[in-house]
Amino acid sequence: MGSIEAYESASGRRYRVRYRKPDHSQANKRGFRTKRDAELYLASVEVKKSRGDYIDAAEARATIGDLGEQWMTAQTHLKPSSVAVVESAWRLHVRPVWGTRAIGEIRHSDVQQWVSGLSAGGDGIGKAKSPALVHRCYGILAGILDVAVRDHRLASNPARGVSLPRKVSKEHRYLSHQQLHRLAQASGRNATLILLLGYTGVRWGEASALRVKDVDLTRRRLHIVENAVFVRGEVIVGSPKTHKRRSVPFPAFLDGPLRDAIHGKTETDLVFPGRFGEHQTTPTIRQNSWFDKALAAAELSPMTIHDLRHTTASLAVSAGANVKAVQRMLGHASAAMTLDVYADLFNDDLDDVAHRLDEAAALALDNVDAPSHPEANSVTTTHRSDPR
């Protein structure tokens, strides 16, 4: 337990509370007008310590800038490409506004005003931000404050419960078989790569990191074990996006083109290297790339290389593939995720449900006798004599 002692001040007698913090260091608080106030404060400290709810006021003076750098360093679970976008949001949008703010001074209304400002372009840093960027910036600030709560610097996170802008999913672009083959023909030396992307659904980074030993021509499988991403001017090779290796089937007509692509190469050579044997970088990161030229030559409207992954999903579903197979092929975490991402591909299923319900209802009604009309029933009525 702590202790209470009286002392004289210019304003008269006051009381000081001395106690030990959970880390056993000494602390004190002075200025209580009555001994009872001092006793109540000491009792509340002891209760908070026993519950594990004790918050050191000095710890709440830590700034977002200091804690944010520690938080960024701890994001080792993220892929390099994800770290890059998070670091950019922290450096450009979070730290300039919150860096010098003590965490104990931040209020829920402050965070809400900042989020609203980001959405409307009223944050003083450029134009209105996209919902995705607003969510990312908010997630960084809220994540830093979550750690502060777990470290007992704060009693609760003032950022939680803030209203965020609604994310609007970008409309997917799908190519037909004819359009996909036309695009491949217009891609020249990258024709086989385009067909592979459009018929297997592998990500660009997975295709560019594909090596000869990862192509199983006997079973017609691609073994996805690496992912090459372009981050801050360099290509970084690591594990696939979900950190899980997978096996992806490819259609028989790609057997010949893939044999040609790996002919004369060693097992560790890239299947689709750049002109100097290096990993190819994403063609849609710059304008007028070979992909843009191929789209124009094939008379197709602009799209990203990632849209070929959406095309795979579309062609697979239209061919009758079940959701679980599509999920495994694309490397999604679950079939539910596949359904959420590509819900628009199953609109025909909704029509089919309505059609089947209509048929079932018609069959059920045919087997039920039509109800007789009440007026058709024979009713005997007894008339009373007129009392008059």
Protein backbone atom coordinates (compact mmCIF):
# COMPACT_ATOMS: atom_id res chain seq x y z
CA MET A 1 0.00 0.00 0.00
CA GLY A 2 0.98 3.64 -0.45
CA SER A 3 1.12 6.43 2.06
CA ILE A 4 -0.44 9.84 2.58
CA GLU A 5 1.34 12.80 4.11
CA ALA A 6 0.39 16.38 4.72
CA TYR A 7 2.46 19.38 3.71
CA GLU A 8 2.10 23.13 3.84
CA SER A 9 1.71 25.20 0.68
CA ALA A 10 1.06 28.85 -0.09
CA SER A 11 -2.64 27.98 -0.35
CA GLY A 12 -2.71 26.13 2.96
CA ARG A 13 -2.45 22.49 4.01
CA ARG A 14 -2.43 19.95 1.21
CA TYR A 15 -1.91 16.18 0.99
CA ARG A 16 0.50 14.07 -1.02
CA VAL A 17 -0.04 10.44 -2.05
CA ARG A 18 2.99 8.18 -2.49
CA TYR A 19 2.63 4.75 -4.12
CA ARG A 20 4.44 2.22 -6.27
CA LYS A 21 3.54 1.67 -9.91
CA PRO A 22 3.14 -1.85 -11.34
CA ASP A 23 6.81 -1.82 -12.37
CA HIS A 24 7.67 -1.09 -8.70
CA SER A 25 9.01 2.38 -9.39
CA GLN A 26 8.05 5.17 -6.98
CA ALA A 27 5.33 7.68 -7.89
CA ASN A 28 3.51 10.45 -6.12
CA LYS A 29 0.65 12.86 -6.66
CA ARG A 30 0.18 16.00 -4.63
CA GLY A 31 -2.29 18.85 -4.26
CA PHE A 32 -5.25 17.12 -2.58
CA ARG A 33 -7.26 19.55 -0.46
CA THR A 34 -8.53 16.97 2.01
CA LYS A 35 -7.15 13.74 3.40
CA ARG A 36 -10.28 11.95 2.26
CA ASP A 37 -9.63 12.96 -1.37
CA ALA A 38 -6.10 11.63 -1.03
CA GLU A 39 -7.37 8.35 0.46
CA LEU A 40 -9.90 7.89 -2.35
CA TYR A 41 -7.22 8.49 -4.99
CA LEU A 42 -4.86 5.99 -3.35
CA ALA A 43 -7.65 3.40 -3.14
CA SER A 44 -8.48 3.86 -6.84
CA VAL A 45 -4.81 3.37 -7.76
CA GLU A 46 -4.61 0.13 -5.79
CA VAL A 47 -7.82 -1.18 -7.40
CA LYS A 48 -6.55 -0.37 -10.91
CA LYS A 49 -3.25 -2.07 -10.14
CA SER A 50 -5.02 -5.23 -8.95
CA ARG A 51 -7.21 -5.28 -12.08
CA GLY A 52 -4.35 -4.54 -14.43
CA ASP A 53 -6.05 -1.29 -15.50
CA TYR A 54 -3.47 1.11 -14.13
CA ILE A 55 -2.42 3.84 -16.58
CA ASP A 56 0.67 5.91 -15.91
CA ALA A 57 -0.09 9.51 -16.82
CA ALA A 58 3.52 10.01 -17.85
CA GLU A 59 3.21 7.21 -20.43
CA ALA A 60 0.29 9.03 -22.09
CA ARG A 61 2.67 11.87 -22.99
CA ALA A 62 4.35 9.67 -25.63
CA THR A 63 3.81 11.07 -29.13
CA ILE A 64 2.35 9.35 -32.18
CA GLY A 65 5.60 10.11 -33.99
CA ASP A 66 7.70 8.09 -31.53
CA LEU A 67 5.27 5.20 -31.24
CA GLY A 68 4.59 5.24 -34.98
CA GLU A 69 8.19 4.54 -35.88
CA GLN A 70 8.16 1.55 -33.51
CA TRP A 71 4.87 0.37 -35.02
CA MET A 72 6.24 0.58 -38.56
CA THR A 73 9.33 -1.41 -37.57
CA ALA A 74 7.07 -4.15 -36.17
CA GLN A 75 5.21 -4.71 -39.48
CA THR A 76 7.48 -7.60 -40.41
CA HIS A 77 4.50 -9.83 -41.25
CA LEU A 78 3.64 -7.70 -44.29
CA LYS A 79 4.91 -8.36 -47.80
CA PRO A 80 7.42 -5.79 -49.16
CA SER A 81 4.81 -4.31 -51.51
CA SER A 82 2.38 -3.86 -48.61
CA VAL A 83 5.07 -2.31 -46.40
CA ALA A 84 5.78 0.21 -49.15
CA VAL A 85 2.20 1.48 -49.38
CA VAL A 86 1.76 1.54 -45.59
CA GLU A 87 5.02 3.43 -45.13
CA SER A 88 3.98 5.93 -47.79
CA ALA A 89 0.63 6.56 -46.06
CA TRP A 90 2.38 6.97 -42.71
CA ARG A 91 4.99 9.35 -44.08
CA LEU A 92 2.69 11.50 -46.23
CA HIS A 93 -0.64 11.55 -44.41
CA VAL A 94 -0.42 10.35 -40.80
CA ARG A 95 2.88 11.59 -39.38
CA PRO A 96 2.55 15.19 -40.67
CA VAL A 97 -0.77 15.58 -38.83
CA TRP A 98 -0.30 13.43 -35.71
CA GLY A 99 3.46 13.10 -35.29
CA THR A 100 3.81 15.66 -32.49
CA ARG A 101 0.55 14.87 -30.71
CA ALA A 102 0.71 13.15 -27.32
CA ILE A 103 -1.49 10.06 -27.33
CA GLY A 104 -3.22 11.15 -24.13
CA GLU A 105 -4.40 14.36 -25.82
CA ILE A 106 -6.13 12.66 -28.75
CA ARG A 107 -9.91 12.66 -28.68
CA HIS A 108 -12.41 10.63 -30.69
CA SER A 109 -13.76 13.82 -32.27
CA ASP A 110 -10.23 14.78 -33.39
CA VAL A 111 -9.85 11.51 -35.29
CA GLN A 112 -13.32 11.80 -36.83
CA GLN A 113 -12.58 15.33 -38.05
CA TRP A 114 -9.29 14.16 -39.58
CA VAL A 115 -10.92 11.21 -41.37
CA SER A 116 -13.65 13.48 -42.72
CA GLY A 117 -10.99 15.94 -43.85
CA LEU A 118 -9.09 13.23 -45.72
CA SER A 119 -12.26 12.20 -47.52
CA ALA A 120 -13.15 15.78 -48.46
CA GLY A 121 -9.63 17.03 -49.15
CA GLY A 122 -9.73 19.29 -46.13
CA ASP A 123 -6.70 17.81 -44.40
CA GLY A 124 -4.39 20.45 -45.86
CA ILE A 125 -2.42 17.82 -47.81
CA GLY A 126 -3.69 17.83 -51.38
CA LYS A 127 -7.04 16.80 -52.83
CA ALA A 128 -9.64 14.39 -51.48
CA LYS A 129 -8.27 10.91 -50.85
CA SER A 130 -9.80 7.68 -52.09
CA PRO A 131 -11.78 5.58 -49.58
CA ALA A 132 -9.06 2.90 -49.75
CA LEU A 133 -6.35 5.41 -48.80
CA VAL A 134 -8.50 6.90 -46.03
CA HIS A 135 -9.01 3.40 -44.57
CA ARG A 136 -5.26 2.74 -44.78
CA CYS A 137 -4.34 6.00 -43.03
CA TYR A 138 -6.95 5.46 -40.35
CA GLY A 139 -5.76 1.87 -39.85
CA ILE A 140 -2.23 3.09 -39.16
CA LEU A 141 -3.33 5.61 -36.53
CA ALA A 142 -5.77 3.17 -34.91
CA GLY A 143 -3.13 0.42 -34.96
CA ILE A 144 -0.60 2.63 -33.15
CA LEU A 145 -3.17 3.52 -30.50
CA ASP A 146 -4.16 -0.15 -30.13
CA VAL A 147 -0.57 -0.93 -29.15
CA ALA A 148 -0.62 2.00 -26.71
CA VAL A 149 -3.70 0.49 -25.04
CA ARG A 150 -2.07 -2.94 -24.78
CA ASP A 151 1.04 -1.31 -23.29
CA HIS A 152 -1.19 0.41 -20.70
CA ARG A 153 -0.37 3.87 -21.96
CA LEU A 154 -4.08 4.51 -22.61
CA ALA A 155 -7.26 3.16 -21.06
CA SER A 156 -9.04 2.94 -24.43
CA ASN A 157 -8.44 3.70 -28.10
CA PRO A 158 -10.02 7.05 -29.07
CA ALA A 159 -9.84 6.14 -32.77
CA ARG A 160 -12.15 3.14 -32.59
CA GLY A 161 -15.75 3.67 -33.64
CA VAL A 162 -14.97 6.43 -36.14
CA SER A 163 -17.22 6.59 -39.21
CA LEU A 164 -15.25 5.75 -42.36
CA PRO A 165 -16.11 6.33 -46.02
CA ARG A 166 -17.65 3.37 -47.80
CA LYS A 167 -15.33 1.51 -50.12
CA VAL A 168 -16.71 1.06 -53.62
CA SER A 169 -15.39 -2.00 -55.41
CA LYS A 170 -13.95 -1.32 -58.82
CA GLU A 171 -15.97 -2.92 -61.60
CA HIS A 172 -14.18 -5.98 -62.92
CA ARG A 173 -13.14 -6.17 -66.54
CA TYR A 174 -13.58 -9.54 -68.26
CA LEU A 175 -12.39 -10.67 -71.69
CA SER A 176 -14.02 -13.32 -73.83
CA HIS A 177 -12.03 -16.23 -75.29
CA GLN A 178 -11.86 -14.43 -78.62
CA GLN A 179 -10.68 -11.15 -77.08
CA LEU A 180 -8.05 -12.91 -74.97
CA HIS A 181 -6.56 -14.74 -77.97
CA ARG A 182 -6.64 -11.53 -80.01
CA LEU A 183 -4.70 -9.77 -77.23
CA ALA A 184 -2.19 -12.62 -77.11
CA GLN A 185 -1.57 -12.41 -80.85
CA ALA A 186 -0.96 -8.68 -80.55
CA SER A 187 1.53 -9.20 -77.68
CA GLY A 188 4.27 -10.70 -79.83
CA ARG A 189 6.94 -12.46 -77.74
CA ASN A 190 4.66 -12.20 -74.71
CA ALA A 191 1.77 -14.12 -76.32
CA THR A 192 2.23 -17.25 -74.21
CA LEU A 193 2.51 -15.12 -71.05
CA ILE A 194 -0.82 -13.41 -71.82
CA LEU A 195 -2.56 -16.74 -72.40
CA LEU A 196 -1.08 -18.13 -69.19
CA LEU A 197 -2.32 -15.14 -67.19
CA GLY A 198 -5.76 -15.31 -68.79
CA TYR A 199 -6.30 -19.05 -68.39
CA THR A 200 -4.64 -19.82 -65.04
CA GLY A 201 -5.35 -16.70 -62.97
CA VAL A 202 -1.82 -16.49 -61.56
CA ARG A 203 -0.79 -13.01 -60.45
CA TRP A 204 1.69 -11.05 -62.54
CA GLY A 205 4.40 -11.40 -59.89
CA GLU A 206 3.85 -15.17 -59.75
CA ALA A 207 4.10 -15.51 -63.53
CA SER A 208 7.21 -13.33 -63.80
CA ALA A 209 8.90 -15.40 -61.05
CA LEU A 210 7.95 -18.74 -62.64
CA ARG A 211 10.99 -20.96 -63.29
CA VAL A 212 11.39 -23.95 -65.60
CA LYS A 213 11.37 -26.40 -62.67
CA ASP A 214 7.95 -25.02 -61.64
CA VAL A 215 6.29 -26.17 -64.89
CA ASP A 216 5.01 -29.76 -64.82
CA LEU A 217 4.17 -30.59 -68.43
CA THR A 218 3.18 -34.16 -67.56
CA ARG A 219 0.41 -33.22 -65.13
CA ARG A 220 -0.17 -29.81 -66.72
CA ARG A 221 0.47 -27.97 -63.48
CA LEU A 222 2.23 -24.76 -62.51
CA HIS A 223 3.84 -24.84 -59.06
CA ILE A 224 3.51 -21.34 -57.61
CA VAL A 225 6.33 -20.97 -55.08
CA GLU A 226 7.64 -17.44 -55.66
CA ASN A 227 6.33 -13.95 -56.30
CA ALA A 228 8.34 -11.10 -57.82
CA VAL A 229 7.09 -7.59 -57.01
CA PHE A 230 8.37 -4.21 -58.15
CA VAL A 231 8.93 -2.04 -55.07
CA ARG A 232 10.62 1.37 -55.08
CA GLY A 233 12.50 0.81 -58.29
CA GLU A 234 13.62 -2.76 -57.73
CA VAL A 235 12.23 -6.26 -58.06
CA ILE A 236 11.93 -8.17 -54.77
CA VAL A 237 11.37 -11.93 -54.91
CA GLY A 238 9.56 -13.63 -52.04
CA SER A 239 6.78 -16.07 -51.25
CA PRO A 240 3.34 -15.84 -52.93
CA LYS A 241 0.91 -13.21 -51.68
CA THR A 242 -0.84 -15.49 -49.18
CA HIS A 243 2.52 -17.07 -48.13
CA LYS A 244 1.09 -20.38 -49.37
CA ARG A 245 2.41 -22.39 -52.27
CA ARG A 246 -0.19 -23.85 -54.62
CA SER A 247 -0.55 -25.93 -57.75
CA VAL A 248 -2.44 -24.40 -60.68
CA PRO A 249 -3.70 -26.35 -63.71
CA PHE A 250 -3.34 -25.07 -67.25
CA PRO A 251 -5.39 -26.13 -70.32
CA ALA A 252 -3.97 -28.63 -72.79
CA PHE A 253 -3.65 -26.10 -75.63
CA LEU A 254 -0.94 -24.28 -73.60
CA ASP A 255 1.24 -27.40 -73.53
CA GLY A 256 2.95 -26.61 -76.85
CA PRO A 257 3.56 -22.88 -76.19
CA LEU A 258 4.97 -23.65 -72.73
CA ARG A 259 7.29 -26.31 -74.17
CA ASP A 260 8.60 -23.70 -76.58
CA ALA A 261 9.00 -21.17 -73.74
CA ILE A 262 11.21 -23.48 -71.65
CA HIS A 263 13.11 -25.11 -74.54
CA GLY A 264 16.88 -24.96 -74.08
CA LYS A 265 16.69 -23.48 -70.57
CA THR A 266 18.00 -24.84 -67.28
CA GLU A 267 15.67 -25.69 -64.40
CA THR A 268 16.42 -22.45 -62.56
CA ASP A 269 15.92 -20.17 -65.57
CA LEU A 270 12.89 -17.90 -65.70
CA VAL A 271 10.13 -19.05 -68.05
CA PHE A 272 9.24 -15.46 -69.03
CA PRO A 273 12.40 -13.36 -68.59
CA GLY A 274 12.96 -9.81 -69.77
CA ARG A 275 15.19 -9.08 -72.74
CA PHE A 276 18.31 -9.45 -70.58
CA GLY A 277 17.19 -12.46 -68.54
CA GLU A 278 15.85 -10.39 -65.65
CA HIS A 279 12.44 -10.49 -63.99
CA GLN A 280 9.92 -8.56 -66.02
CA THR A 281 8.32 -5.59 -64.27
CA THR A 282 4.58 -5.01 -64.33
CA PRO A 283 3.79 -3.51 -67.75
CA THR A 284 0.98 -1.29 -66.47
CA ILE A 285 3.15 0.75 -64.08
CA ARG A 286 4.10 3.04 -66.96
CA GLN A 287 2.25 4.43 -69.95
CA ASN A 288 2.66 3.15 -73.50
CA SER A 289 4.05 -0.19 -72.37
CA TRP A 290 4.04 -3.28 -74.59
CA PHE A 291 0.77 -4.26 -72.92
CA ASP A 292 -0.85 -0.91 -73.76
CA LYS A 293 0.30 -1.25 -77.37
CA ALA A 294 -1.09 -4.79 -77.56
CA LEU A 295 -4.46 -3.61 -76.24
CA ALA A 296 -4.59 -0.91 -78.89
CA ALA A 297 -3.59 -3.35 -81.64
CA ALA A 298 -6.26 -5.81 -80.48
CA GLU A 299 -8.84 -2.98 -80.46
CA LEU A 300 -9.55 -3.42 -76.75
CA SER A 301 -10.23 -0.64 -74.28
CA PRO A 302 -7.59 0.10 -71.59
CA MET A 303 -7.28 -2.39 -68.74
CA THR A 304 -4.68 -3.56 -66.25
CA ILE A 305 -2.68 -6.76 -66.39
CA HIS A 306 -4.52 -7.83 -63.22
CA ASP A 307 -7.79 -7.86 -65.17
CA LEU A 308 -6.55 -11.03 -66.85
CA ARG A 309 -6.87 -12.71 -63.45
CA HIS A 310 -10.51 -11.62 -63.37
CA THR A 311 -10.87 -13.02 -66.89
CA THR A 312 -9.72 -16.43 -65.63
CA ALA A 313 -12.44 -16.42 -62.98
CA SER A 314 -15.06 -15.45 -65.53
CA LEU A 315 -14.07 -18.10 -68.07
CA ALA A 316 -13.83 -20.79 -65.38
CA VAL A 317 -17.27 -20.03 -63.93
CA SER A 318 -18.88 -19.89 -67.38
CA ALA A 319 -17.28 -23.29 -68.13
CA GLY A 320 -19.02 -24.76 -65.07
CA ALA A 321 -16.15 -24.84 -62.56
CA ASN A 322 -17.29 -24.96 -58.94
CA VAL A 323 -16.41 -22.18 -56.53
CA LYS A 324 -13.99 -24.31 -54.49
CA ALA A 325 -11.95 -25.16 -57.59
CA VAL A 326 -11.82 -21.49 -58.63
CA GLN A 327 -10.75 -20.54 -55.10
CA ARG A 328 -7.86 -23.00 -55.11
CA MET A 329 -6.84 -21.97 -58.60
CA LEU A 330 -6.71 -18.26 -57.72
CA GLY A 331 -5.13 -18.80 -54.32
CA HIS A 332 -7.89 -17.10 -52.34
CA ALA A 333 -8.03 -17.69 -48.58
CA SER A 334 -11.53 -19.18 -48.78
CA ALA A 335 -14.39 -19.94 -51.15
CA ALA A 336 -16.37 -17.23 -49.37
CA MET A 337 -13.76 -14.70 -50.46
CA THR A 338 -14.06 -15.90 -54.06
CA LEU A 339 -17.83 -15.51 -53.92
CA ASP A 340 -17.50 -12.02 -52.45
CA VAL A 341 -14.98 -10.88 -55.07
CA TYR A 342 -16.79 -12.39 -58.04
CA ALA A 343 -20.42 -12.23 -56.93
CA ASP A 344 -21.33 -10.63 -60.27
CA LEU A 345 -20.31 -13.81 -62.09
CA PHE A 346 -23.09 -15.73 -60.40
CA ASN A 347 -26.04 -13.56 -61.48
CA ASP A 348 -27.23 -16.34 -63.77
CA ASP A 349 -27.46 -18.57 -60.70
CA LEU A 350 -29.99 -16.14 -59.22
CA ASP A 351 -32.11 -16.41 -62.37
CA ASP A 352 -31.82 -20.19 -62.15
CA VAL A 353 -33.01 -20.15 -58.52
CA ALA A 354 -36.10 -18.14 -59.49
CA HIS A 355 -36.79 -20.48 -62.41
CA ARG A 356 -36.49 -23.58 -60.23
CA LEU A 357 -38.76 -22.06 -57.56
CA ASP A 358 -41.34 -21.29 -60.25
CA GLU A 359 -41.24 -24.89 -61.50
CA ALA A 360 -41.49 -26.27 -57.96
CA ALA A 361 -44.44 -24.02 -57.13
CA ALA A 362 -46.28 -25.02 -60.32
CA LEU A 363 -45.73 -28.73 -59.59
CA ALA A 364 -46.91 -28.36 -56.00
CA LEU A 365 -50.09 -26.49 -57.01
CA ASP A 366 -50.94 -29.09 -59.64
CA ASN A 367 -51.03 -31.72 -56.91
CA VAL A 368 -53.35 -29.73 -54.64
CA ASP A 369 -57.14 -29.78 -55.16
CA ALA A 370 -58.46 -26.37 -56.03
CA PRO A 371 -60.29 -24.92 -53.02
CA SER A 372 -64.06 -24.70 -53.45
CA HIS A 373 -65.65 -21.28 -53.39
CA PRO A 374 -67.69 -20.59 -50.21
CA GLU A 375 -70.74 -19.63 -52.26
CA ALA A 376 -70.71 -23.04 -53.95
CA ASN A 377 -71.33 -24.83 -50.65
CA SER A 378 -74.85 -25.92 -49.85
CA VAL A 379 -75.98 -23.97 -46.80
CA THR A 380 -79.26 -24.63 -44.99
CA THR A 381 -80.66 -21.57 -43.28
CA THR A 382 -83.41 -21.67 -40.64
CA HIS A 383 -85.66 -18.63 -40.74
CA ARG A 384 -87.36 -17.49 -37.56
CA SER A 385 -90.97 -16.42 -37.74
CA ASP A 386 -91.61 -12.73 -37.82
CA PRO A 387 -92.37 -11.63 -34.27
CA ARG A 388 -94.81 -9.10 -35.58
